[in-house]
């Protein structure tokens, strides 16, 4: 069953993993999660698989890698918020 999550709420998903974790294992865990972006959507498992690290020591490590791999348009206009919820 596919779940949808806003980009601003991805942290909640990432916190469900046990760290350290490999990129491949994290990608498998998120293969059924769709991230709602400012300009569409993306599969979280695919986003993880496209990051540059082979493993992650913490939620912050994985979150940083995911955000670094997103195009600027994915997060919206500069200084705009997705809002609450």
Protein backbone atom coordinates (compact mmCIF):
# COMPACT_ATOMS: atom_id res chain seq x y z
CA UNK A 1 0.00 0.00 0.00
CA UNK A 2 1.46 3.34 -1.06
CA UNK A 3 1.66 6.14 1.51
CA UNK A 4 1.89 9.82 0.70
CA UNK A 5 3.84 12.31 2.78
CA UNK A 6 4.61 16.00 2.33
CA UNK A 7 8.27 16.88 1.94
CA UNK A 8 8.04 18.86 5.18
CA UNK A 9 7.01 15.64 6.99
CA UNK A 10 9.67 13.29 5.57
CA UNK A 11 11.54 13.43 8.90
CA UNK A 12 8.76 11.39 10.51
CA UNK A 13 9.30 8.62 7.94
CA UNK A 14 13.09 8.72 8.28
CA UNK A 15 12.87 8.41 12.06
CA UNK A 16 11.21 5.01 11.67
CA UNK A 17 14.51 3.43 10.54
CA UNK A 18 17.25 1.99 12.75
CA UNK A 19 20.59 3.69 12.17
CA UNK A 20 23.18 3.14 10.86
CA UNK A 21 21.51 1.86 7.69
CA UNK A 22 22.73 1.21 4.16
CA UNK A 23 21.41 3.17 1.20
CA UNK A 24 19.97 -0.02 -0.34
CA UNK A 25 18.14 -1.02 2.84
CA UNK A 26 16.73 2.48 3.32
CA UNK A 27 15.57 2.60 -0.31
CA UNK A 28 13.72 -0.70 0.11
CA UNK A 29 12.02 0.57 3.28
CA UNK A 30 10.64 3.58 1.38
CA UNK A 31 9.76 2.02 -1.97
CA UNK A 32 6.03 2.47 -1.24
CA UNK A 33 6.24 6.06 0.02
CA UNK A 34 5.38 8.96 -2.28
CA UNK A 35 6.74 12.39 -1.36
CA UNK A 36 4.54 15.34 -2.32
CA UNK A 37 6.78 18.08 -3.69
CA UNK A 38 6.05 21.67 -4.67
CA UNK A 39 6.25 20.68 -8.35
CA UNK A 40 4.79 17.18 -8.26
CA UNK A 41 5.74 14.01 -6.46
CA UNK A 42 8.56 11.49 -6.20
CA UNK A 43 9.08 8.01 -4.83
CA UNK A 44 11.04 8.26 -1.57
CA UNK A 45 12.79 4.93 -2.19
CA UNK A 46 14.05 6.19 -5.55
CA UNK A 47 15.20 9.47 -4.00
CA UNK A 48 17.18 7.54 -1.39
CA UNK A 49 18.69 5.25 -4.02
CA UNK A 50 19.92 8.31 -5.95
CA UNK A 51 21.82 9.81 -3.00
CA UNK A 52 25.61 9.80 -2.94
CA UNK A 53 26.28 7.98 0.33
CA UNK A 54 26.45 4.21 0.73
CA UNK A 55 25.12 4.41 4.30
CA UNK A 56 23.70 6.84 6.84
CA UNK A 57 24.60 7.19 10.50
CA UNK A 58 21.54 9.24 11.48
CA UNK A 59 18.24 10.74 10.39
CA UNK A 60 20.05 14.02 9.74
CA UNK A 61 22.55 12.33 7.41
CA UNK A 62 19.80 10.78 5.31
CA UNK A 63 17.64 13.91 5.34
CA UNK A 64 20.56 16.04 4.15
CA UNK A 65 21.35 13.62 1.32
CA UNK A 66 17.72 13.58 0.15
CA UNK A 67 17.43 17.37 0.20
CA UNK A 68 20.73 17.75 -1.64
CA UNK A 69 19.48 15.49 -4.43
CA UNK A 70 16.24 17.42 -5.02
CA UNK A 71 16.04 20.10 -7.70
CA UNK A 72 15.33 23.61 -6.39
CA UNK A 73 11.84 23.54 -7.95
CA UNK A 74 10.90 20.54 -5.79
CA UNK A 75 10.88 22.61 -2.63
CA UNK A 76 8.99 25.60 -4.04
CA UNK A 77 9.88 29.22 -4.36
CA UNK A 78 12.60 30.55 -2.06
CA UNK A 79 11.30 31.71 1.33
CA UNK A 80 7.88 30.14 0.81
CA UNK A 81 6.52 27.62 3.27
CA UNK A 82 4.42 24.54 2.56
CA UNK A 83 2.29 25.64 5.46
CA UNK A 84 1.23 23.59 8.42
CA UNK A 85 -0.16 20.07 8.19
